[in-house]
Amino acid sequence: MRALNPVYSALPTTIFEHMSGLARSSGAINLGQGFPDAPPPPALTAAVTRAMAERSQHYPPMAGVPELRDAIAGFYRRRQRLDLSRDEVIVTSGATEAIAAAVLAVISPGDHVLLFQPAYDAYAPLVRRMGAVPVFVPLRPPHWHYDRAAIEAALTPRTRAMIINDPLNPTGSVMDAATRAMIAAIAVAHDLFVICDEVWETVRFDGGTHVSLLAEPGMATRTVKIGSAGKIFGATGWKVGWMVAAPDVAAVLAKAHQFLTFTTPPMLQWAVAEGLGDDGLIDATVAGWAASRAVLNQGLAACGFAVMPGVATWFTCIDLAASAIALDDRTVAERMVREAGVASIPLSALWEGCDAPRHVLRLCHCKPAAMLDEAIGRIARWRERLIQS
């Protein structure tokens, strides 16, 4: 039998599917994989139902329906002061497809690509599948800062691109202005493309407004910005994402996209277009997550857990060592789902190499308050038994 592609045949099941599978089989509360338990906002559901009844259900334009491409451009014009047109927007079936299309369009075999750890676990396999080489730059806890010296030390004559995730999953940290300027200066000086995974751009709890690397001087023609309706509205199963880039770059991104999923269901696109025009709907959705985040963070702190800094995403990280738990994060995650009935994600699973921090555990907070309260109680009782044993 012929060998299958080694990039994929050697891969384990993702940590998200592994932990969710354990949660399903054991009946545990799933605070591992990131998704809200609640449905999307009723206005969005009504919009998709109306579109199903009144509009076409056949192939939409490959780059996305014009209404959604215009809505995405308008959304970024209002909220991030980006001067965009529909020609700079390509709709995809989720942000992971957008990342894949961007990698296919930007990177060639033999290129080196900078990845910052901890990293979404799709980045490195996609880079390797292109025949390119991922080069990892670590971000260190507790503040996960980007270190200029470390970035420049990782550059080689073959470095072609970098992939940035801001706000950062799993840590909830956000780039400051100085870091954005530094990343942009490096990209311009070394003629690098930057794929910016900015799917968490609206999910912030510090009162701040997201600023895209796309807006930095010199970055308009060397940036691919990626967004996600799933993260903006909590509609993860809809799988509506997009890429934003200069028109000539977007045209090449579209050619990569056309041979992945080609199109995204049009009724979902029309509904998302309506939602993106409603700032009140977006802000109310985030306010709901802010309330559930407070339940988890304050509840964990009250039970003696060390909650790490983080101002964005659906995730809270806890420092196990500072919480008097001497086990590594993978062991804690495996034992906690079985013994406490709560699933989580070990941060070291989003890191390649032997230098991963092994004392950080990620929990998802965009869940009902009653579920979070029950999970906190289970974790706290498990921790007490562990300390006493």
Protein backbone atom coordinates (compact mmCIF):
# COMPACT_ATOMS: atom_id res chain seq x y z
CA MET A 1 0.00 0.00 0.00
CA ARG A 2 1.34 3.43 -0.93
CA ALA A 3 2.24 5.75 1.91
CA LEU A 4 -0.11 8.61 2.68
CA ASN A 5 1.01 12.20 3.04
CA PRO A 6 3.44 12.24 5.99
CA VAL A 7 2.34 15.69 7.21
CA TYR A 8 -1.11 14.34 8.01
CA SER A 9 -0.48 10.65 8.62
CA ALA A 10 1.89 11.55 11.47
CA LEU A 11 -0.48 14.03 13.08
CA PRO A 12 -2.38 13.10 16.24
CA THR A 13 -6.03 14.00 16.71
CA THR A 14 -6.26 17.66 17.69
CA ILE A 15 -6.28 18.41 21.41
CA PHE A 16 -9.67 20.07 20.95
CA GLU A 17 -11.30 16.97 19.50
CA HIS A 18 -9.51 14.74 22.03
CA MET A 19 -10.73 16.68 25.06
CA SER A 20 -14.23 17.18 23.62
CA GLY A 21 -14.41 13.45 22.91
CA LEU A 22 -13.52 12.69 26.53
CA ALA A 23 -16.16 15.18 27.67
CA ARG A 24 -18.82 13.56 25.48
CA SER A 25 -17.97 10.01 26.53
CA SER A 26 -17.85 10.83 30.25
CA GLY A 27 -20.62 13.42 30.47
CA ALA A 28 -18.15 16.06 31.66
CA ILE A 29 -18.73 19.81 31.42
CA ASN A 30 -16.84 20.92 28.32
CA LEU A 31 -14.79 24.05 29.05
CA GLY A 32 -12.15 22.86 26.59
CA GLN A 33 -13.18 23.47 22.97
CA GLY A 34 -14.19 27.09 22.42
CA PHE A 35 -17.83 27.54 21.56
CA PRO A 36 -20.81 29.15 23.31
CA ASP A 37 -23.59 26.81 24.39
CA ALA A 38 -26.21 29.42 23.50
CA PRO A 39 -27.47 29.86 19.92
CA PRO A 40 -26.50 32.93 17.89
CA PRO A 41 -28.46 36.14 18.54
CA PRO A 42 -32.15 35.77 17.56
CA ALA A 43 -31.83 38.59 15.01
CA LEU A 44 -29.18 36.59 13.16
CA THR A 45 -31.29 33.42 13.24
CA ALA A 46 -34.28 35.36 11.91
CA ALA A 47 -32.13 36.79 9.12
CA VAL A 48 -30.93 33.39 7.94
CA THR A 49 -34.44 31.95 8.10
CA ARG A 50 -35.74 34.84 6.02
CA ALA A 51 -32.92 34.41 3.50
CA MET A 52 -33.68 30.67 3.24
CA ALA A 53 -37.30 31.45 2.37
CA GLU A 54 -36.85 34.47 0.13
CA ARG A 55 -33.47 34.27 -1.60
CA SER A 56 -31.40 31.92 -3.73
CA GLN A 57 -29.96 28.72 -2.31
CA HIS A 58 -27.74 28.06 -5.30
CA TYR A 59 -24.05 28.79 -5.85
CA PRO A 60 -23.24 32.35 -4.83
CA PRO A 61 -20.32 34.23 -6.36
CA MET A 62 -17.03 32.55 -5.52
CA ALA A 63 -15.64 35.61 -3.68
CA GLY A 64 -18.83 36.02 -1.64
CA VAL A 65 -22.18 37.73 -2.11
CA PRO A 66 -21.74 41.46 -2.77
CA GLU A 67 -23.85 42.39 0.25
CA LEU A 68 -21.52 40.57 2.65
CA ARG A 69 -18.33 41.85 1.04
CA ASP A 70 -19.71 45.39 1.28
CA ALA A 71 -20.83 44.78 4.88
CA ILE A 72 -17.37 43.53 5.90
CA ALA A 73 -15.73 46.58 4.33
CA GLY A 74 -18.25 48.84 6.07
CA PHE A 75 -17.80 47.08 9.39
CA TYR A 76 -14.05 47.69 9.33
CA ARG A 77 -14.52 51.23 8.09
CA ARG A 78 -16.75 52.05 11.09
CA ARG A 79 -14.99 50.14 13.81
CA GLN A 80 -11.33 50.09 12.79
CA ARG A 81 -11.06 53.05 10.39
CA LEU A 82 -9.84 50.88 7.53
CA ASP A 83 -10.62 52.30 4.11
CA LEU A 84 -11.71 49.15 2.27
CA SER A 85 -13.83 48.16 -0.70
CA ARG A 86 -15.44 44.86 -1.63
CA ASP A 87 -12.54 44.17 -4.02
CA GLU A 88 -10.38 43.66 -0.94
CA VAL A 89 -12.67 41.06 0.67
CA ILE A 90 -12.92 37.31 -0.06
CA VAL A 91 -15.50 35.27 1.87
CA THR A 92 -14.48 31.80 3.04
CA SER A 93 -16.07 28.84 4.81
CA GLY A 94 -14.68 29.74 8.20
CA ALA A 95 -11.45 31.33 9.32
CA THR A 96 -9.45 28.09 9.18
CA GLU A 97 -10.18 27.89 5.47
CA ALA A 98 -9.11 31.52 5.19
CA ILE A 99 -5.82 30.67 6.89
CA ALA A 100 -5.33 27.71 4.54
CA ALA A 101 -6.05 29.83 1.47
CA ALA A 102 -3.70 32.55 2.68
CA VAL A 103 -0.91 30.03 3.26
CA LEU A 104 -1.46 28.54 -0.21
CA ALA A 105 -1.40 31.98 -1.83
CA VAL A 106 1.49 33.56 0.07
CA ILE A 107 3.93 30.73 0.81
CA SER A 108 6.00 28.58 -1.56
CA PRO A 109 7.97 25.36 -1.00
CA GLY A 110 11.23 26.00 0.82
CA ASP A 111 10.07 29.24 2.46
CA HIS A 112 10.56 29.83 6.16
CA VAL A 113 7.51 31.07 8.09
CA LEU A 114 7.64 32.57 11.59
CA LEU A 115 5.03 31.22 14.01
CA PHE A 116 4.59 32.55 17.54
CA GLN A 117 3.96 30.04 20.31
CA PRO A 118 1.51 29.20 21.77
CA ALA A 119 -0.15 28.92 18.37
CA TYR A 120 -3.42 27.69 16.91
CA ASP A 121 -2.62 24.11 15.99
CA ALA A 122 -3.58 24.44 12.30
CA TYR A 123 -0.77 26.85 11.43
CA ALA A 124 2.23 24.52 11.41
CA PRO A 125 0.63 21.60 9.49
CA LEU A 126 -0.60 24.00 6.80
CA VAL A 127 2.87 25.51 6.44
CA ARG A 128 4.48 22.07 6.28
CA ARG A 129 1.94 20.85 3.71
CA MET A 130 3.18 23.64 1.44
CA GLY A 131 6.70 22.24 1.72
CA ALA A 132 7.69 25.27 3.79
CA VAL A 133 9.41 25.33 7.19
CA PRO A 134 7.74 26.68 10.34
CA VAL A 135 10.18 28.56 12.56
CA PHE A 136 8.88 28.98 16.09
CA VAL A 137 9.35 32.08 18.23
CA PRO A 138 8.24 31.66 21.86
CA LEU A 139 6.06 34.12 23.76
CA ARG A 140 6.72 33.78 27.47
CA PRO A 141 4.20 33.95 30.34
CA PRO A 142 2.66 35.72 32.04
CA HIS A 143 2.42 38.65 29.60
CA TRP A 144 3.29 36.85 26.33
CA HIS A 145 5.30 39.74 24.90
CA TYR A 146 6.79 39.72 21.39
CA ASP A 147 10.55 40.10 21.77
CA ARG A 148 12.27 41.91 18.89
CA ALA A 149 15.63 40.24 19.48
CA ALA A 150 14.04 36.78 19.42
CA ILE A 151 12.16 37.57 16.21
CA GLU A 152 15.21 38.92 14.43
CA ALA A 153 17.30 35.95 15.58
CA ALA A 154 14.74 33.63 13.94
CA LEU A 155 14.92 35.35 10.55
CA THR A 156 16.86 33.69 7.74
CA PRO A 157 17.42 34.60 4.07
CA ARG A 158 14.54 32.21 3.29
CA THR A 159 12.01 33.80 5.63
CA ARG A 160 9.00 34.75 3.54
CA ALA A 161 6.16 35.35 5.99
CA MET A 162 4.91 35.33 9.54
CA ILE A 163 1.55 34.36 11.01
CA ILE A 164 0.26 36.61 13.80
CA ASN A 165 -2.75 35.90 16.02
CA ASP A 166 -4.08 39.06 17.71
CA PRO A 167 -5.87 38.91 20.12
CA LEU A 168 -4.03 35.73 21.00
CA ASN A 169 -5.72 32.39 21.61
CA PRO A 170 -5.17 30.81 24.12
CA THR A 171 -3.79 33.57 26.34
CA GLY A 172 -6.27 36.40 25.77
CA SER A 173 -3.43 38.91 25.38
CA VAL A 174 -3.57 41.84 22.94
CA MET A 175 -0.79 43.60 21.03
CA ASP A 176 -0.03 47.15 22.09
CA ALA A 177 0.79 49.95 19.65
CA ALA A 178 4.55 49.60 20.12
CA THR A 179 4.41 45.88 19.31
CA ARG A 180 2.36 46.45 16.16
CA ALA A 181 4.83 49.09 14.99
CA MET A 182 7.75 46.76 15.70
CA ILE A 183 6.20 43.83 13.81
CA ALA A 184 5.41 46.11 10.87
CA ALA A 185 8.94 47.54 10.81
CA ILE A 186 10.43 44.03 10.71
CA ALA A 187 8.05 42.98 7.94
CA VAL A 188 8.88 46.00 5.81
CA ALA A 189 12.63 45.77 6.42
CA HIS A 190 12.73 42.09 5.46
CA ASP A 191 10.02 42.15 2.76
CA LEU A 192 7.74 39.73 4.59
CA PHE A 193 4.05 38.99 4.17
CA VAL A 194 2.06 38.80 7.40
CA ILE A 195 -1.02 36.60 7.73
CA CYS A 196 -2.98 38.23 10.56
CA ASP A 197 -5.47 35.93 12.27
CA GLU A 198 -7.66 38.58 13.92
CA VAL A 199 -10.79 36.52 14.53
CA TRP A 200 -11.07 37.70 18.16
CA GLU A 201 -11.02 41.39 17.18
CA THR A 202 -14.39 42.25 18.77
CA VAL A 203 -14.13 39.90 21.75
CA ARG A 204 -12.36 42.27 24.13
CA PHE A 205 -13.17 43.06 27.73
CA ASP A 206 -10.83 45.97 28.41
CA GLY A 207 -12.84 48.65 26.66
CA GLY A 208 -10.24 48.86 23.92
CA THR A 209 -10.83 48.91 20.18
CA HIS A 210 -8.95 46.49 17.96
CA VAL A 211 -6.31 47.99 15.70
CA SER A 212 -5.21 45.84 12.78
CA LEU A 213 -1.64 45.37 11.64
CA LEU A 214 -3.08 46.14 8.21
CA ALA A 215 -3.28 49.80 9.27
CA GLU A 216 0.43 50.13 10.07
CA PRO A 217 2.66 52.07 7.63
CA GLY A 218 3.90 49.89 4.80
CA MET A 219 1.55 46.98 5.59
CA ALA A 220 -1.36 47.58 3.21
CA THR A 221 0.19 45.52 0.41
CA ARG A 222 1.84 42.83 2.54
CA THR A 223 -0.94 41.87 4.98
CA VAL A 224 -3.74 39.31 4.81
CA LYS A 225 -6.28 40.09 7.55
CA ILE A 226 -8.58 37.23 8.59
CA GLY A 227 -11.94 37.60 10.34
CA SER A 228 -14.76 35.35 11.50
CA ALA A 229 -18.50 35.75 11.95
CA GLY A 230 -18.36 32.71 14.21
CA LYS A 231 -16.34 34.63 16.77
CA ILE A 232 -18.16 37.95 16.37
CA PHE A 233 -21.64 36.45 16.84
CA GLY A 234 -20.97 33.15 18.59
CA ALA A 235 -22.15 31.28 15.48
CA THR A 236 -19.25 28.84 15.27
CA GLY A 237 -21.11 26.20 13.25
CA TRP A 238 -21.99 28.65 10.49
CA LYS A 239 -18.36 28.68 9.33
CA VAL A 240 -18.42 32.11 7.71
CA GLY A 241 -15.01 33.76 7.56
CA TRP A 242 -13.14 36.12 5.29
CA MET A 243 -9.80 37.42 4.07
CA VAL A 244 -8.99 41.10 3.56
CA ALA A 245 -6.03 42.23 1.45
CA ALA A 246 -5.01 44.72 -1.21
CA PRO A 247 -6.94 44.06 -4.47
CA ASP A 248 -4.07 42.39 -6.34
CA VAL A 249 -3.31 40.18 -3.33
CA ALA A 250 -7.01 39.42 -2.81
CA ALA A 251 -7.24 38.25 -6.43
CA VAL A 252 -4.60 35.58 -5.75
CA LEU A 253 -6.21 34.64 -2.43
CA ALA A 254 -9.45 34.08 -4.35
CA LYS A 255 -7.71 31.66 -6.71
CA ALA A 256 -6.53 29.59 -3.74
CA HIS A 257 -9.99 29.74 -2.15
CA GLN A 258 -11.78 28.61 -5.32
CA PHE A 259 -10.16 25.18 -5.11
CA LEU A 260 -10.82 24.68 -1.39
CA THR A 261 -14.51 25.23 -0.68
CA PHE A 262 -15.26 27.57 -3.64
CA THR A 263 -18.34 29.08 -1.97
CA THR A 264 -20.06 29.46 1.39
CA PRO A 265 -23.85 28.97 1.85
CA PRO A 266 -25.48 32.18 0.60
CA MET A 267 -28.23 32.33 3.22
CA LEU A 268 -25.56 32.45 5.94
CA GLN A 269 -23.70 35.16 4.08
CA TRP A 270 -26.80 37.39 3.78
CA ALA A 271 -27.56 36.92 7.47
CA VAL A 272 -24.02 37.82 8.51
CA ALA A 273 -24.20 40.89 6.27
CA GLU A 274 -27.23 42.07 8.25
CA GLY A 275 -25.52 41.35 11.57
CA LEU A 276 -22.35 43.23 10.69
CA GLY A 277 -24.41 46.36 10.11
CA ASP A 278 -25.76 46.30 13.68
CA ASP A 279 -23.17 47.57 16.16
CA GLY A 280 -25.65 47.28 19.02
CA LEU A 281 -26.10 43.56 18.33
CA ILE A 282 -22.34 43.00 18.26
CA ASP A 283 -21.72 44.95 21.46
CA ALA A 284 -24.58 43.22 23.31
CA THR A 285 -23.17 39.83 22.34
CA VAL A 286 -19.77 40.74 23.75
CA ALA A 287 -21.39 42.13 26.90
CA GLY A 288 -23.00 38.75 27.51
CA TRP A 289 -19.61 37.06 27.26
CA ALA A 290 -18.13 39.66 29.61
CA ALA A 291 -20.71 38.64 32.24
CA SER A 292 -19.95 34.92 31.90
CA ARG A 293 -16.22 35.67 31.95
CA ALA A 294 -16.65 37.46 35.27
CA VAL A 295 -18.48 34.43 36.70
CA LEU A 296 -15.60 32.09 35.81
CA ASN A 297 -12.69 34.39 36.67
CA GLN A 298 -14.10 35.61 39.97
CA GLY A 299 -15.27 32.15 40.94
CA LEU A 300 -11.87 30.60 40.26
CA ALA A 301 -10.05 33.36 42.15
CA ALA A 302 -12.37 32.95 45.13
CA CYS A 303 -11.48 29.24 45.26
CA GLY A 304 -7.73 29.93 45.30
CA PHE A 305 -6.85 29.55 41.62
CA ALA A 306 -4.33 31.95 40.09
CA VAL A 307 -6.09 33.49 37.10
CA MET A 308 -3.58 34.81 34.56
CA PRO A 309 -3.85 38.22 32.85
CA GLY A 310 -5.99 38.29 29.72
CA VAL A 311 -8.40 40.81 28.23
CA ALA A 312 -9.80 39.08 25.13
CA THR A 313 -11.14 35.85 23.56
CA TRP A 314 -13.49 33.30 25.14
CA PHE A 315 -10.70 31.86 27.29
CA THR A 316 -9.31 32.14 30.79
CA CYS A 317 -5.91 30.69 31.68
CA ILE A 318 -4.92 29.54 35.15
CA ASP A 319 -1.40 29.16 36.48
CA LEU A 320 -1.33 25.65 37.94
CA ALA A 321 1.88 26.06 39.91
CA ALA A 322 0.65 29.29 41.49
CA SER A 323 -2.62 27.49 42.27
CA ALA A 324 -0.72 24.88 44.37
CA ILE A 325 -1.10 22.19 41.71
CA ALA A 326 2.27 20.56 41.11
CA LEU A 327 1.23 18.47 38.09
CA ASP A 328 1.90 19.42 34.46
CA ASP A 329 -0.95 20.82 32.36
CA ARG A 330 -1.50 17.70 30.22
CA THR A 331 -1.76 15.50 33.29
CA VAL A 332 -4.14 17.94 34.94
CA ALA A 333 -6.34 18.11 31.84
CA GLU A 334 -6.51 14.31 31.50
CA ARG A 335 -7.21 13.75 35.20
CA MET A 336 -9.62 16.64 35.63
CA VAL A 337 -11.95 15.51 32.86
CA ARG A 338 -12.09 11.99 34.30
CA GLU A 339 -11.97 12.74 38.03
CA ALA A 340 -13.67 16.13 38.26
CA GLY A 341 -15.91 15.98 35.21
CA VAL A 342 -14.59 19.18 33.60
CA ALA A 343 -12.76 19.33 30.27
CA SER A 344 -10.02 21.89 29.61
CA ILE A 345 -7.11 22.48 27.21
CA PRO A 346 -3.44 22.21 28.26
CA LEU A 347 -1.52 25.13 26.81
CA SER A 348 1.49 22.94 26.03
CA ALA A 349 -0.61 21.20 23.36
CA LEU A 350 -0.45 24.47 21.38
CA TRP A 351 3.35 24.49 21.46
CA GLU A 352 6.02 22.53 19.58
CA GLY A 353 9.35 21.68 21.18
CA CYS A 354 10.62 20.83 24.62
CA ASP A 355 10.55 24.38 26.00
CA ALA A 356 6.76 24.68 26.35
CA PRO A 357 5.36 26.11 29.58
CA ARG A 358 3.67 23.18 31.30
CA HIS A 359 1.85 24.97 34.07
CA VAL A 360 -0.95 26.75 32.17
CA LEU A 361 -4.48 25.44 31.65
CA ARG A 362 -7.09 27.06 29.36
CA LEU A 363 -10.80 27.14 30.22
CA CYS A 364 -13.63 28.45 28.05
CA HIS A 365 -15.86 31.04 29.75
CA CYS A 366 -18.59 31.69 27.12
CA LYS A 367 -20.98 29.28 28.86
CA PRO A 368 -24.14 29.66 30.98
CA ALA A 369 -23.50 30.95 34.50
CA ALA A 370 -25.02 27.86 36.13
CA MET A 371 -22.72 25.59 34.12
CA LEU A 372 -19.69 27.68 35.06
CA ASP A 373 -20.65 27.66 38.75
CA GLU A 374 -20.97 23.88 38.68
CA ALA A 375 -17.63 23.54 36.88
CA ILE A 376 -15.89 25.81 39.41
CA GLY A 377 -17.24 23.73 42.28
CA ARG A 378 -16.09 20.49 40.68
CA ILE A 379 -12.61 21.85 39.96
CA ALA A 380 -12.24 23.33 43.43
CA ARG A 381 -13.23 20.08 45.15
CA TRP A 382 -10.86 18.11 42.90
CA ARG A 383 -8.02 20.50 43.72
CA GLU A 384 -8.64 20.14 47.44
CA ARG A 385 -8.51 16.36 47.20
CA LEU A 386 -5.34 16.60 45.15
CA ILE A 387 -3.61 18.88 47.66
CA GLN A 388 -4.63 16.69 50.57
CA SER A 389 -3.49 13.44 48.97
